[in-house]
Amino acid sequence: MSELFIKQELLKTLPQLDAILLDVDGVILDVSESYRVAIMETTQWYAREILKLEDNTQLMDGSDIEGFKMAGGFNSDWDLTNAAVMLVLAKKVRTEASDMASVMAEGPTWEEFTSEIGRRGGGLAVAEILVLETLTSPQRREFALAFNPKLVVQIFQEMYGGLDACKKLYGFEPEYIRDEGLYKKEKVILDANLLGALSAKYKIGLLTGRTRNEARLAMEVVGLKIPDSQWVTEDDGVKKPDGRALVLLQEKVGFKFGIYVGDTMDDLNVVKNYRETKGAGRAKIVACTAMSGPSGDAHRRVFLEAGTEVAAPNVNSFLQYLKATS
């Protein structure tokens, strides 16, 4: 594991910091066995149950998901899953194959697909354009008939919430998935006591792609008491990497100099985009990228070259630095 890296020019101003702003997934909680598995298993389920493909290979793995995250525009795992389903469906339509292995033998690969999404700006809309570009008009009609994005999200939610928490989180009882929720496999990363000690000096805010109910569940698991008046979630209607999400968080928390701790390219980009927004004059915000996600240190250089001011092995290493220098 690498050491904490802080850009030289930030060291001079860091003592002026008055707010710590946190992402949840990959920062507060390890979600590699929950949300990430839900992405893979929802894609698998849709291919098997809706597209009627013989289940003879695993369609995705963690590195494929990481490709989407590095492409940007996929802070929402619902969007990511829909993009994945679209590619599988488009390949099925083109090949008329009856099994998953034959479908996945058709190009493009996940790596080629996500790389091109990244080159074109990232996100679900770009993924849809790329997919439709590969289809003829009759194939597009077949694609449209077989693609149900609302069902994709529903299956994802049923897998994540399970029999015990789906109703609490999303307002409905599971219809298709009758198992224990994947959320139970999440592991705590953040040292809540360490953050608690720092909260006497720093204001604490939360910016997450989770819904409010999902964020509340995370707070219960970790034992955090960040007031929900200091959260910006999916329910607030503005999503990362839109810089206005941090404008809204600044309005809620009321800080002058904050650092946002995330773990994906969208987390870094939301800080960069914030600086271009109309409300950015109210407060300075810098980025800390925690390398605690599934990719670990593999993309450290990429994040540094992309402009992150702090690269940390995990959120606790940066918080320990703040505590030691306070």
C-alpha atoms as a PDB file:
ATOM      1  CA  MET A   1       0.000   0.000   0.000  1.00  0.00           C
ATOM      2  CA  SER A   2       1.315   3.413  -0.949  1.00  0.00           C
ATOM      3  CA  GLU A   3       1.908   6.330   1.359  1.00  0.00           C
ATOM      4  CA  LEU A   4      -0.199   9.444   1.677  1.00  0.00           C
ATOM      5  CA  PHE A   5       0.589  12.003  -1.030  1.00  0.00           C
ATOM      6  CA  ILE A   6      -0.316  15.690  -0.711  1.00  0.00           C
ATOM      7  CA  LYS A   7       0.585  18.231  -3.375  1.00  0.00           C
ATOM      8  CA  GLN A   8       3.189  20.687  -2.160  1.00  0.00           C
ATOM      9  CA  GLU A   9       1.087  23.785  -2.832  1.00  0.00           C
ATOM     10  CA  LEU A  10      -1.763  22.394  -0.717  1.00  0.00           C
ATOM     11  CA  LEU A  11       0.412  21.900   2.357  1.00  0.00           C
ATOM     12  CA  LYS A  12       0.576  25.681   2.869  1.00  0.00           C
ATOM     13  CA  THR A  13      -3.188  26.176   2.871  1.00  0.00           C
ATOM     14  CA  LEU A  14      -4.381  22.941   4.485  1.00  0.00           C
ATOM     15  CA  PRO A  15      -4.342  24.479   8.005  1.00  0.00           C
ATOM     16  CA  GLN A  16      -7.200  26.722   6.798  1.00  0.00           C
ATOM     17  CA  LEU A  17      -9.394  23.702   6.077  1.00  0.00           C
ATOM     18  CA  ASP A  18     -12.744  23.856   7.876  1.00  0.00           C
ATOM     19  CA  ALA A  19     -14.742  20.990   6.326  1.00  0.00           C
ATOM     20  CA  ILE A  20     -14.351  17.298   5.540  1.00  0.00           C
ATOM     21  CA  LEU A  21     -16.729  16.126   2.809  1.00  0.00           C
ATOM     22  CA  LEU A  22     -17.185  12.407   2.309  1.00  0.00           C
ATOM     23  CA  ASP A  23     -18.399   9.989  -0.320  1.00  0.00           C
ATOM     24  CA  VAL A  24     -19.890   6.743   1.011  1.00  0.00           C
ATOM     25  CA  ASP A  25     -19.157   3.855  -1.356  1.00  0.00           C
ATOM     26  CA  GLY A  26     -15.481   2.950  -1.456  1.00  0.00           C
ATOM     27  CA  VAL A  27     -14.673   5.556   1.194  1.00  0.00           C
ATOM     28  CA  ILE A  28     -16.861   4.917   4.232  1.00  0.00           C
ATOM     29  CA  LEU A  29     -17.897   1.403   3.201  1.00  0.00           C
ATOM     30  CA  ASP A  30     -16.311  -1.322   1.074  1.00  0.00           C
ATOM     31  CA  VAL A  31     -19.081  -2.128  -1.434  1.00  0.00           C
ATOM     32  CA  SER A  32     -17.142  -4.587  -3.600  1.00  0.00           C
ATOM     33  CA  GLU A  33     -19.386  -7.428  -2.363  1.00  0.00           C
ATOM     34  CA  SER A  34     -22.651  -5.461  -2.469  1.00  0.00           C
ATOM     35  CA  TYR A  35     -23.217  -2.837  -5.170  1.00  0.00           C
ATOM     36  CA  ARG A  36     -20.514  -4.235  -7.424  1.00  0.00           C
ATOM     37  CA  VAL A  37     -21.927  -7.742  -7.142  1.00  0.00           C
ATOM     38  CA  ALA A  38     -25.435  -6.366  -7.747  1.00  0.00           C
ATOM     39  CA  ILE A  39     -24.215  -4.875 -11.039  1.00  0.00           C
ATOM     40  CA  MET A  40     -22.787  -8.198 -12.197  1.00  0.00           C
ATOM     41  CA  GLU A  41     -25.669 -10.342 -10.986  1.00  0.00           C
ATOM     42  CA  THR A  42     -28.395  -8.053 -12.345  1.00  0.00           C
ATOM     43  CA  THR A  43     -26.744  -8.126 -15.769  1.00  0.00           C
ATOM     44  CA  GLN A  44     -26.503 -11.913 -15.536  1.00  0.00           C
ATOM     45  CA  TRP A  45     -30.134 -12.238 -14.404  1.00  0.00           C
ATOM     46  CA  TYR A  46     -31.473 -10.040 -17.205  1.00  0.00           C
ATOM     47  CA  ALA A  47     -29.524 -11.951 -19.843  1.00  0.00           C
ATOM     48  CA  ARG A  48     -30.787 -15.284 -18.503  1.00  0.00           C
ATOM     49  CA  GLU A  49     -34.387 -14.486 -17.518  1.00  0.00           C
ATOM     50  CA  ILE A  50     -35.385 -11.784 -20.007  1.00  0.00           C
ATOM     51  CA  LEU A  51     -33.097 -12.338 -22.999  1.00  0.00           C
ATOM     52  CA  LYS A  52     -33.362 -16.132 -22.527  1.00  0.00           C
ATOM     53  CA  LEU A  53     -29.651 -16.720 -23.032  1.00  0.00           C
ATOM     54  CA  GLU A  54     -28.147 -19.966 -21.805  1.00  0.00           C
ATOM     55  CA  ASP A  55     -26.120 -19.134 -18.684  1.00  0.00           C
ATOM     56  CA  ASN A  56     -22.798 -20.713 -19.630  1.00  0.00           C
ATOM     57  CA  THR A  57     -20.350 -17.940 -18.677  1.00  0.00           C
ATOM     58  CA  GLN A  58     -20.002 -15.055 -16.243  1.00  0.00           C
ATOM     59  CA  LEU A  59     -20.686 -11.887 -18.235  1.00  0.00           C
ATOM     60  CA  MET A  60     -18.786  -9.372 -16.085  1.00  0.00           C
ATOM     61  CA  ASP A  61     -16.125  -9.182 -13.394  1.00  0.00           C
ATOM     62  CA  GLY A  62     -14.821  -6.433 -11.137  1.00  0.00           C
ATOM     63  CA  SER A  63     -12.330  -5.112 -13.672  1.00  0.00           C
ATOM     64  CA  ASP A  64     -15.139  -4.576 -16.174  1.00  0.00           C
ATOM     65  CA  ILE A  65     -17.032  -2.463 -13.655  1.00  0.00           C
ATOM     66  CA  GLU A  66     -13.881  -0.512 -12.920  1.00  0.00           C
ATOM     67  CA  GLY A  67     -13.666   0.308 -16.619  1.00  0.00           C
ATOM     68  CA  PHE A  68     -17.055   2.020 -16.416  1.00  0.00           C
ATOM     69  CA  LYS A  69     -16.040   3.912 -13.278  1.00  0.00           C
ATOM     70  CA  MET A  70     -12.824   5.157 -14.902  1.00  0.00           C
ATOM     71  CA  ALA A  71     -14.759   6.211 -18.023  1.00  0.00           C
ATOM     72  CA  GLY A  72     -16.748   8.642 -15.869  1.00  0.00           C
ATOM     73  CA  GLY A  73     -20.426   9.460 -15.790  1.00  0.00           C
ATOM     74  CA  PHE A  74     -21.360   6.261 -13.972  1.00  0.00           C
ATOM     75  CA  ASN A  75     -21.601   7.393 -10.382  1.00  0.00           C
ATOM     76  CA  SER A  76     -25.055   5.783 -10.458  1.00  0.00           C
ATOM     77  CA  ASP A  77     -24.700   2.015 -10.381  1.00  0.00           C
ATOM     78  CA  TRP A  78     -28.220   1.822 -11.837  1.00  0.00           C
ATOM     79  CA  ASP A  79     -26.974   3.692 -14.911  1.00  0.00           C
ATOM     80  CA  LEU A  80     -23.903   1.472 -15.076  1.00  0.00           C
ATOM     81  CA  THR A  81     -25.999  -1.693 -14.954  1.00  0.00           C
ATOM     82  CA  ASN A  82     -28.304  -0.421 -17.677  1.00  0.00           C
ATOM     83  CA  ALA A  83     -25.279   0.359 -19.860  1.00  0.00           C
ATOM     84  CA  ALA A  84     -23.982  -3.176 -19.303  1.00  0.00           C
ATOM     85  CA  VAL A  85     -27.350  -4.738 -20.156  1.00  0.00           C
ATOM     86  CA  MET A  86     -27.550  -2.603 -23.312  1.00  0.00           C
ATOM     87  CA  LEU A  87     -24.245  -3.941 -24.605  1.00  0.00           C
ATOM     88  CA  VAL A  88     -25.196  -7.564 -23.923  1.00  0.00           C
ATOM     89  CA  LEU A  89     -28.574  -7.052 -25.595  1.00  0.00           C
ATOM     90  CA  ALA A  90     -27.061  -5.346 -28.644  1.00  0.00           C
ATOM     91  CA  LYS A  91     -24.620  -8.236 -29.101  1.00  0.00           C
ATOM     92  CA  LYS A  92     -27.472 -10.739 -28.839  1.00  0.00           C
ATOM     93  CA  VAL A  93     -29.500  -8.839 -31.430  1.00  0.00           C
ATOM     94  CA  ARG A  94     -26.559  -8.683 -33.838  1.00  0.00           C
ATOM     95  CA  THR A  95     -25.445 -12.291 -33.469  1.00  0.00           C
ATOM     96  CA  GLU A  96     -28.802 -13.979 -32.814  1.00  0.00           C
ATOM     97  CA  ALA A  97     -26.841 -16.172 -30.399  1.00  0.00           C
ATOM     98  CA  SER A  98     -28.628 -18.309 -27.811  1.00  0.00           C
ATOM     99  CA  ASP A  99     -25.964 -18.492 -25.104  1.00  0.00           C
ATOM    100  CA  MET A 100     -23.908 -15.975 -23.105  1.00  0.00           C
ATOM    101  CA  ALA A 101     -20.495 -17.238 -24.202  1.00  0.00           C
ATOM    102  CA  SER A 102     -21.355 -16.735 -27.880  1.00  0.00           C
ATOM    103  CA  VAL A 103     -22.724 -13.269 -27.168  1.00  0.00           C
ATOM    104  CA  MET A 104     -19.589 -12.219 -25.299  1.00  0.00           C
ATOM    105  CA  ALA A 105     -17.348 -13.516 -28.079  1.00  0.00           C
ATOM    106  CA  GLU A 106     -18.792 -10.723 -30.216  1.00  0.00           C
ATOM    107  CA  GLY A 107     -17.037  -7.344 -30.061  1.00  0.00           C
ATOM    108  CA  PRO A 108     -16.605  -4.893 -28.580  1.00  0.00           C
ATOM    109  CA  THR A 109     -15.096  -6.165 -25.334  1.00  0.00           C
ATOM    110  CA  TRP A 110     -15.990  -4.431 -22.078  1.00  0.00           C
ATOM    111  CA  GLU A 111     -12.608  -2.683 -22.177  1.00  0.00           C
ATOM    112  CA  GLU A 112     -13.155  -1.426 -25.723  1.00  0.00           C
ATOM    113  CA  PHE A 113     -16.694  -0.308 -24.881  1.00  0.00           C
ATOM    114  CA  THR A 114     -15.793   1.597 -21.714  1.00  0.00           C
ATOM    115  CA  SER A 115     -12.678   3.133 -23.244  1.00  0.00           C
ATOM    116  CA  GLU A 116     -14.748   4.547 -26.086  1.00  0.00           C
ATOM    117  CA  ILE A 117     -17.380   5.798 -23.632  1.00  0.00           C
ATOM    118  CA  GLY A 118     -14.605   7.616 -21.780  1.00  0.00           C
ATOM    119  CA  ARG A 119     -13.234   9.133 -24.974  1.00  0.00           C
ATOM    120  CA  ARG A 120     -16.689  10.476 -25.824  1.00  0.00           C
ATOM    121  CA  GLY A 121     -17.306  12.044 -22.434  1.00  0.00           C
ATOM    122  CA  GLY A 122     -18.714   9.252 -20.275  1.00  0.00           C
ATOM    123  CA  GLY A 123     -22.155   8.333 -19.023  1.00  0.00           C
ATOM    124  CA  LEU A 124     -25.238   6.336 -19.940  1.00  0.00           C
ATOM    125  CA  ALA A 125     -26.332   8.557 -22.848  1.00  0.00           C
ATOM    126  CA  VAL A 126     -22.973   8.034 -24.550  1.00  0.00           C
ATOM    127  CA  ALA A 127     -23.190   4.284 -23.942  1.00  0.00           C
ATOM    128  CA  GLU A 128     -26.613   4.208 -25.600  1.00  0.00           C
ATOM    129  CA  ILE A 129     -25.336   6.111 -28.639  1.00  0.00           C
ATOM    130  CA  LEU A 130     -22.436   3.685 -29.019  1.00  0.00           C
ATOM    131  CA  VAL A 131     -24.721   0.671 -28.778  1.00  0.00           C
ATOM    132  CA  LEU A 132     -27.280   1.986 -31.267  1.00  0.00           C
ATOM    133  CA  GLU A 133     -24.534   2.881 -33.745  1.00  0.00           C
ATOM    134  CA  THR A 134     -23.812  -0.846 -34.130  1.00  0.00           C
ATOM    135  CA  LEU A 135     -27.409  -1.786 -35.009  1.00  0.00           C
ATOM    136  CA  THR A 136     -29.456  -1.602 -38.198  1.00  0.00           C
ATOM    137  CA  SER A 137     -32.947  -0.080 -38.096  1.00  0.00           C
ATOM    138  CA  PRO A 138     -34.697  -3.477 -37.725  1.00  0.00           C
ATOM    139  CA  GLN A 139     -32.194  -4.455 -35.028  1.00  0.00           C
ATOM    140  CA  ARG A 140     -32.873  -1.199 -33.177  1.00  0.00           C
ATOM    141  CA  ARG A 141     -36.571  -2.031 -33.067  1.00  0.00           C
ATOM    142  CA  GLU A 142     -35.780  -5.484 -31.690  1.00  0.00           C
ATOM    143  CA  PHE A 143     -33.426  -3.885 -29.144  1.00  0.00           C
ATOM    144  CA  ALA A 144     -36.102  -1.401 -27.997  1.00  0.00           C
ATOM    145  CA  LEU A 145     -38.654  -4.160 -27.468  1.00  0.00           C
ATOM    146  CA  ALA A 146     -36.271  -6.216 -25.304  1.00  0.00           C
ATOM    147  CA  PHE A 147     -34.784  -3.410 -23.217  1.00  0.00           C
ATOM    148  CA  ASN A 148     -36.567  -2.504 -19.976  1.00  0.00           C
ATOM    149  CA  PRO A 149     -34.427  -0.084 -17.937  1.00  0.00           C
ATOM    150  CA  LYS A 150     -37.000   0.163 -15.129  1.00  0.00           C
ATOM    151  CA  LEU A 151     -36.882  -3.594 -14.659  1.00  0.00           C
ATOM    152  CA  VAL A 152     -33.075  -3.501 -14.602  1.00  0.00           C
ATOM    153  CA  VAL A 153     -33.178  -0.985 -11.743  1.00  0.00           C
ATOM    154  CA  GLN A 154     -35.854  -2.985  -9.929  1.00  0.00           C
ATOM    155  CA  ILE A 155     -33.814  -6.186 -10.059  1.00  0.00           C
ATOM    156  CA  PHE A 156     -30.740  -4.300  -8.864  1.00  0.00           C
ATOM    157  CA  GLN A 157     -32.703  -2.889  -5.920  1.00  0.00           C
ATOM    158  CA  GLU A 158     -34.124  -6.303  -5.036  1.00  0.00           C
ATOM    159  CA  MET A 159     -30.647  -7.813  -5.020  1.00  0.00           C
ATOM    160  CA  TYR A 160     -29.192  -5.035  -2.895  1.00  0.00           C
ATOM    161  CA  GLY A 161     -32.052  -4.722  -0.391  1.00  0.00           C
ATOM    162  CA  GLY A 162     -33.186  -8.333  -0.311  1.00  0.00           C
ATOM    163  CA  LEU A 163     -36.214  -9.672   1.512  1.00  0.00           C
ATOM    164  CA  ASP A 164     -35.359  -7.785   4.687  1.00  0.00           C
ATOM    165  CA  ALA A 165     -34.579  -4.251   3.440  1.00  0.00           C
ATOM    166  CA  CYS A 166     -36.002  -3.749  -0.083  1.00  0.00           C
ATOM    167  CA  LYS A 167     -39.287  -2.318   1.246  1.00  0.00           C
ATOM    168  CA  LYS A 168     -37.461  -0.064   3.714  1.00  0.00           C
ATOM    169  CA  LEU A 169     -35.026   1.217   1.091  1.00  0.00           C
ATOM    170  CA  TYR A 170     -37.161   1.417  -2.043  1.00  0.00           C
ATOM    171  CA  GLY A 171     -40.793   1.170  -0.955  1.00  0.00           C
ATOM    172  CA  PHE A 172     -41.703  -2.215  -2.461  1.00  0.00           C
ATOM    173  CA  GLU A 173     -41.452  -5.905  -1.646  1.00  0.00           C
ATOM    174  CA  PRO A 174     -39.149  -8.014  -3.853  1.00  0.00           C
ATOM    175  CA  GLU A 175     -40.945  -9.622  -6.771  1.00  0.00           C
ATOM    176  CA  TYR A 176     -38.208 -11.662  -8.430  1.00  0.00           C
ATOM    177  CA  ILE A 177     -35.260 -12.021  -6.006  1.00  0.00           C
ATOM    178  CA  ARG A 178     -36.067 -13.841  -2.784  1.00  0.00           C
ATOM    179  CA  ASP A 179     -32.670 -13.759  -1.110  1.00  0.00           C
ATOM    180  CA  GLU A 180     -30.873 -11.905   1.664  1.00  0.00           C
ATOM    181  CA  GLY A 181     -29.813  -8.388   0.688  1.00  0.00           C
ATOM    182  CA  LEU A 182     -26.289  -7.863  -0.603  1.00  0.00           C
ATOM    183  CA  TYR A 183     -25.987  -4.771   1.608  1.00  0.00           C
ATOM    184  CA  LYS A 184     -25.226  -7.156   4.465  1.00  0.00           C
ATOM    185  CA  LYS A 185     -21.868  -7.942   2.837  1.00  0.00           C
ATOM    186  CA  GLU A 186     -20.593  -4.371   3.096  1.00  0.00           C
ATOM    187  CA  LYS A 187     -17.553  -3.803   5.291  1.00  0.00           C
ATOM    188  CA  VAL A 188     -16.704  -0.672   7.230  1.00  0.00           C
ATOM    189  CA  ILE A 189     -13.622   1.279   6.111  1.00  0.00           C
ATOM    190  CA  LEU A 190     -13.980   4.552   7.994  1.00  0.00           C
ATOM    191  CA  ASP A 191     -12.812   4.850  11.589  1.00  0.00           C
ATOM    192  CA  ALA A 192     -15.891   6.532  13.062  1.00  0.00           C
ATOM    193  CA  ASN A 193     -14.079   7.452  16.283  1.00  0.00           C
ATOM    194  CA  LEU A 194     -11.339   9.200  14.324  1.00  0.00           C
ATOM    195  CA  LEU A 195     -13.887  11.222  12.364  1.00  0.00           C
ATOM    196  CA  GLY A 196     -15.738  11.967  15.595  1.00  0.00           C
ATOM    197  CA  ALA A 197     -12.589  13.403  17.137  1.00  0.00           C
ATOM    198  CA  LEU A 198     -12.092  15.671  14.135  1.00  0.00           C
ATOM    199  CA  SER A 199     -15.708  16.844  14.081  1.00  0.00           C
ATOM    200  CA  ALA A 200     -14.968  19.232  16.939  1.00  0.00           C
ATOM    201  CA  LYS A 201     -12.781  21.257  14.562  1.00  0.00           C
ATOM    202  CA  TYR A 202     -14.156  20.440  11.099  1.00  0.00           C
ATOM    203  CA  LYS A 203     -17.650  20.559   9.670  1.00  0.00           C
ATOM    204  CA  ILE A 204     -18.643  17.202   8.175  1.00  0.00           C
ATOM    205  CA  GLY A 205     -20.675  16.773   4.983  1.00  0.00           C
ATOM    206  CA  LEU A 206     -21.807  13.872   2.836  1.00  0.00           C
ATOM    207  CA  LEU A 207     -22.082  13.771  -0.964  1.00  0.00           C
ATOM    208  CA  THR A 208     -23.150  10.390  -2.275  1.00  0.00           C
ATOM    209  CA  GLY A 209     -24.870   8.751  -5.209  1.00  0.00           C
ATOM    210  CA  ARG A 210     -26.922   6.739  -2.734  1.00  0.00           C
ATOM    211  CA  THR A 211     -30.555   7.512  -2.102  1.00  0.00           C
ATOM    212  CA  ARG A 212     -31.359   9.095   1.273  1.00  0.00           C
ATOM    213  CA  ASN A 213     -32.594   5.758   2.602  1.00  0.00           C
ATOM    214  CA  GLU A 214     -29.437   3.997   1.426  1.00  0.00           C
ATOM    215  CA  ALA A 215     -27.284   6.700   3.025  1.00  0.00           C
ATOM    216  CA  ARG A 216     -29.224   6.356   6.269  1.00  0.00           C
ATOM    217  CA  LEU A 217     -28.561   2.608   6.227  1.00  0.00           C
ATOM    218  CA  ALA A 218     -24.833   3.289   5.734  1.00  0.00           C
ATOM    219  CA  MET A 219     -24.780   5.679   8.705  1.00  0.00           C
ATOM    220  CA  GLU A 220     -26.376   2.989  10.876  1.00  0.00           C
ATOM    221  CA  VAL A 221     -23.847   0.354   9.769  1.00  0.00           C
ATOM    222  CA  VAL A 222     -20.836   2.596  10.425  1.00  0.00           C
ATOM    223  CA  GLY A 223     -22.233   4.265  13.544  1.00  0.00           C
ATOM    224  CA  LEU A 224     -21.987   7.808  12.205  1.00  0.00           C
ATOM    225  CA  LYS A 225     -24.207  10.687  13.242  1.00  0.00           C
ATOM    226  CA  ILE A 226     -23.777  13.164  10.411  1.00  0.00           C
ATOM    227  CA  PRO A 227     -27.075  15.125  10.358  1.00  0.00           C
ATOM    228  CA  ASP A 228     -29.041  14.464   7.176  1.00  0.00           C
ATOM    229  CA  SER A 229     -29.322  18.234   6.768  1.00  0.00           C
ATOM    230  CA  GLN A 230     -25.640  18.004   5.778  1.00  0.00           C
ATOM    231  CA  TRP A 231     -26.128  15.361   3.082  1.00  0.00           C
ATOM    232  CA  VAL A 232     -26.527  15.598  -0.678  1.00  0.00           C
ATOM    233  CA  THR A 233     -27.929  12.356  -2.072  1.00  0.00           C
ATOM    234  CA  GLU A 234     -29.548  10.954  -5.218  1.00  0.00           C
ATOM    235  CA  ASP A 235     -32.853  12.347  -3.936  1.00  0.00           C
ATOM    236  CA  ASP A 236     -31.602  15.936  -4.165  1.00  0.00           C
ATOM    237  CA  GLY A 237     -31.801  15.773  -7.953  1.00  0.00           C
ATOM    238  CA  VAL A 238     -28.226  16.753  -8.778  1.00  0.00           C
ATOM    239  CA  LYS A 239     -25.652  14.017  -9.340  1.00  0.00           C
ATOM    240  CA  LYS A 240     -21.911  13.680  -9.526  1.00  0.00           C
ATOM    241  CA  PRO A 241     -19.971  14.667 -11.545  1.00  0.00           C
ATOM    242  CA  ASP A 242     -22.202  17.780 -11.798  1.00  0.00           C
ATOM    243  CA  GLY A 243     -20.380  20.495  -9.847  1.00  0.00           C
ATOM    244  CA  ARG A 244     -23.686  21.865  -8.595  1.00  0.00           C
ATOM    245  CA  ALA A 245     -23.838  18.929  -6.190  1.00  0.00           C
ATOM    246  CA  LEU A 246     -20.969  20.501  -4.235  1.00  0.00           C
ATOM    247  CA  VAL A 247     -22.555  23.952  -4.507  1.00  0.00           C
ATOM    248  CA  LEU A 248     -25.632  22.492  -2.805  1.00  0.00           C
ATOM    249  CA  LEU A 249     -23.520  20.757  -0.165  1.00  0.00           C
ATOM    250  CA  GLN A 250     -21.699  24.023   0.563  1.00  0.00           C
ATOM    251  CA  GLU A 251     -25.055  25.740   1.055  1.00  0.00           C
ATOM    252  CA  LYS A 252     -26.136  23.031   3.482  1.00  0.00           C
ATOM    253  CA  VAL A 253     -22.906  22.775   5.487  1.00  0.00           C
ATOM    254  CA  GLY A 254     -21.682  26.375   5.248  1.00  0.00           C
ATOM    255  CA  PHE A 255     -17.896  25.971   4.985  1.00  0.00           C
ATOM    256  CA  LYS A 256     -15.198  28.127   3.418  1.00  0.00           C
ATOM    257  CA  PHE A 257     -12.551  25.527   2.584  1.00  0.00           C
ATOM    258  CA  GLY A 258     -13.426  21.859   2.217  1.00  0.00           C
ATOM    259  CA  ILE A 259     -11.830  18.672   0.959  1.00  0.00           C
ATOM    260  CA  TYR A 260     -13.956  16.044  -0.758  1.00  0.00           C
ATOM    261  CA  VAL A 261     -12.827  12.456  -0.211  1.00  0.00           C
ATOM    262  CA  GLY A 262     -13.916  10.076  -2.979  1.00  0.00           C
ATOM    263  CA  ASP A 263     -12.556   7.057  -4.798  1.00  0.00           C
ATOM    264  CA  THR A 264     -13.670   7.302  -8.447  1.00  0.00           C
ATOM    265  CA  MET A 265     -13.107   9.562 -11.436  1.00  0.00           C
ATOM    266  CA  ASP A 266     -16.589  11.051 -10.959  1.00  0.00           C
ATOM    267  CA  ASP A 267     -15.595  12.004  -7.411  1.00  0.00           C
ATOM    268  CA  LEU A 268     -12.562  13.860  -8.716  1.00  0.00           C
ATOM    269  CA  ASN A 269     -14.507  15.392 -11.584  1.00  0.00           C
ATOM    270  CA  VAL A 270     -17.246  16.734  -9.336  1.00  0.00           C
ATOM    271  CA  VAL A 271     -14.586  18.842  -7.596  1.00  0.00           C
ATOM    272  CA  LYS A 272     -13.110  20.013 -10.887  1.00  0.00           C
ATOM    273  CA  ASN A 273     -16.586  20.813 -12.250  1.00  0.00           C
ATOM    274  CA  TYR A 274     -17.499  22.647  -9.051  1.00  0.00           C
ATOM    275  CA  ARG A 275     -14.703  25.121  -9.724  1.00  0.00           C
ATOM    276  CA  GLU A 276     -16.391  26.031 -13.013  1.00  0.00           C
ATOM    277  CA  THR A 277     -19.827  26.650 -11.487  1.00  0.00           C
ATOM    278  CA  LYS A 278     -21.375  29.980 -10.620  1.00  0.00           C
ATOM    279  CA  GLY A 279     -21.425  29.275  -6.883  1.00  0.00           C
ATOM    280  CA  ALA A 280     -17.783  28.255  -6.573  1.00  0.00           C
ATOM    281  CA  GLY A 281     -16.759  31.661  -5.223  1.00  0.00           C
ATOM    282  CA  ARG A 282     -18.367  30.869  -1.883  1.00  0.00           C
ATOM    283  CA  ALA A 283     -15.839  28.240  -0.897  1.00  0.00           C
ATOM    284  CA  LYS A 284     -12.674  26.493  -1.981  1.00  0.00           C
ATOM    285  CA  ILE A 285     -12.858  22.726  -2.447  1.00  0.00           C
ATOM    286  CA  VAL A 286      -9.974  20.352  -3.164  1.00  0.00           C
ATOM    287  CA  ALA A 287     -10.011  16.634  -3.912  1.00  0.00           C
ATOM    288  CA  CYS A 288      -8.688  13.645  -2.008  1.00  0.00           C
ATOM    289  CA  THR A 289      -8.800  10.308  -3.806  1.00  0.00           C
ATOM    290  CA  ALA A 290      -8.825   7.257  -1.561  1.00  0.00           C
ATOM    291  CA  MET A 291      -7.241   4.204  -3.167  1.00  0.00           C
ATOM    292  CA  SER A 292      -9.388   1.852  -1.092  1.00  0.00           C
ATOM    293  CA  GLY A 293     -11.689   0.834  -3.949  1.00  0.00           C
ATOM    294  CA  PRO A 294     -11.378  -2.414  -5.922  1.00  0.00           C
ATOM    295  CA  SER A 295      -8.698  -0.917  -8.165  1.00  0.00           C
ATOM    296  CA  GLY A 296      -6.532  -0.073  -5.181  1.00  0.00           C
ATOM    297  CA  ASP A 297      -3.320   1.667  -6.205  1.00  0.00           C
ATOM    298  CA  ALA A 298      -3.601   0.584  -9.845  1.00  0.00           C
ATOM    299  CA  HIS A 299      -4.912   3.973 -10.951  1.00  0.00           C
ATOM    300  CA  ARG A 300      -2.944   6.170  -8.553  1.00  0.00           C
ATOM    301  CA  ARG A 301      -0.908   7.812 -11.319  1.00  0.00           C
ATOM    302  CA  VAL A 302      -4.050   8.339 -13.430  1.00  0.00           C
ATOM    303  CA  PHE A 303      -5.751  10.218 -10.588  1.00  0.00           C
ATOM    304  CA  LEU A 304      -2.662  12.320  -9.882  1.00  0.00           C
ATOM    305  CA  GLU A 305      -2.311  13.231 -13.544  1.00  0.00           C
ATOM    306  CA  ALA A 306      -6.039  14.046 -13.632  1.00  0.00           C
ATOM    307  CA  GLY A 307      -5.547  16.586 -10.867  1.00  0.00           C
ATOM    308  CA  THR A 308      -6.331  15.130  -7.449  1.00  0.00           C
ATOM    309  CA  GLU A 309      -4.588  17.150  -4.729  1.00  0.00           C
ATOM    310  CA  VAL A 310      -4.353  14.244  -2.268  1.00  0.00           C
ATOM    311  CA  ALA A 311      -3.878  10.526  -2.948  1.00  0.00           C
ATOM    312  CA  ALA A 312      -4.465   8.408   0.146  1.00  0.00           C
ATOM    313  CA  PRO A 313      -4.333   4.656   0.777  1.00  0.00           C
ATOM    314  CA  ASN A 314      -7.745   5.083   2.432  1.00  0.00           C
ATOM    315  CA  VAL A 315      -9.818   7.773   4.136  1.00  0.00           C
ATOM    316  CA  ASN A 316      -8.358   7.007   7.571  1.00  0.00           C
ATOM    317  CA  SER A 317      -4.787   7.758   6.510  1.00  0.00           C
ATOM    318  CA  PHE A 318      -5.813  11.284   5.500  1.00  0.00           C
ATOM    319  CA  LEU A 319      -7.900  11.796   8.644  1.00  0.00           C
ATOM    320  CA  GLN A 320      -4.961  10.658  10.779  1.00  0.00           C
ATOM    321  CA  TYR A 321      -2.790  13.239   9.028  1.00  0.00           C
ATOM    322  CA  LEU A 322      -5.342  15.967   9.810  1.00  0.00           C
ATOM    323  CA  LYS A 323      -5.502  14.883  13.446  1.00  0.00           C
ATOM    324  CA  ALA A 324      -1.714  14.845  13.757  1.00  0.00           C
ATOM    325  CA  THR A 325      -1.336  18.328  12.235  1.00  0.00           C
ATOM    326  CA  SER A 326      -4.312  19.983  13.921  1.00  0.00           C
END
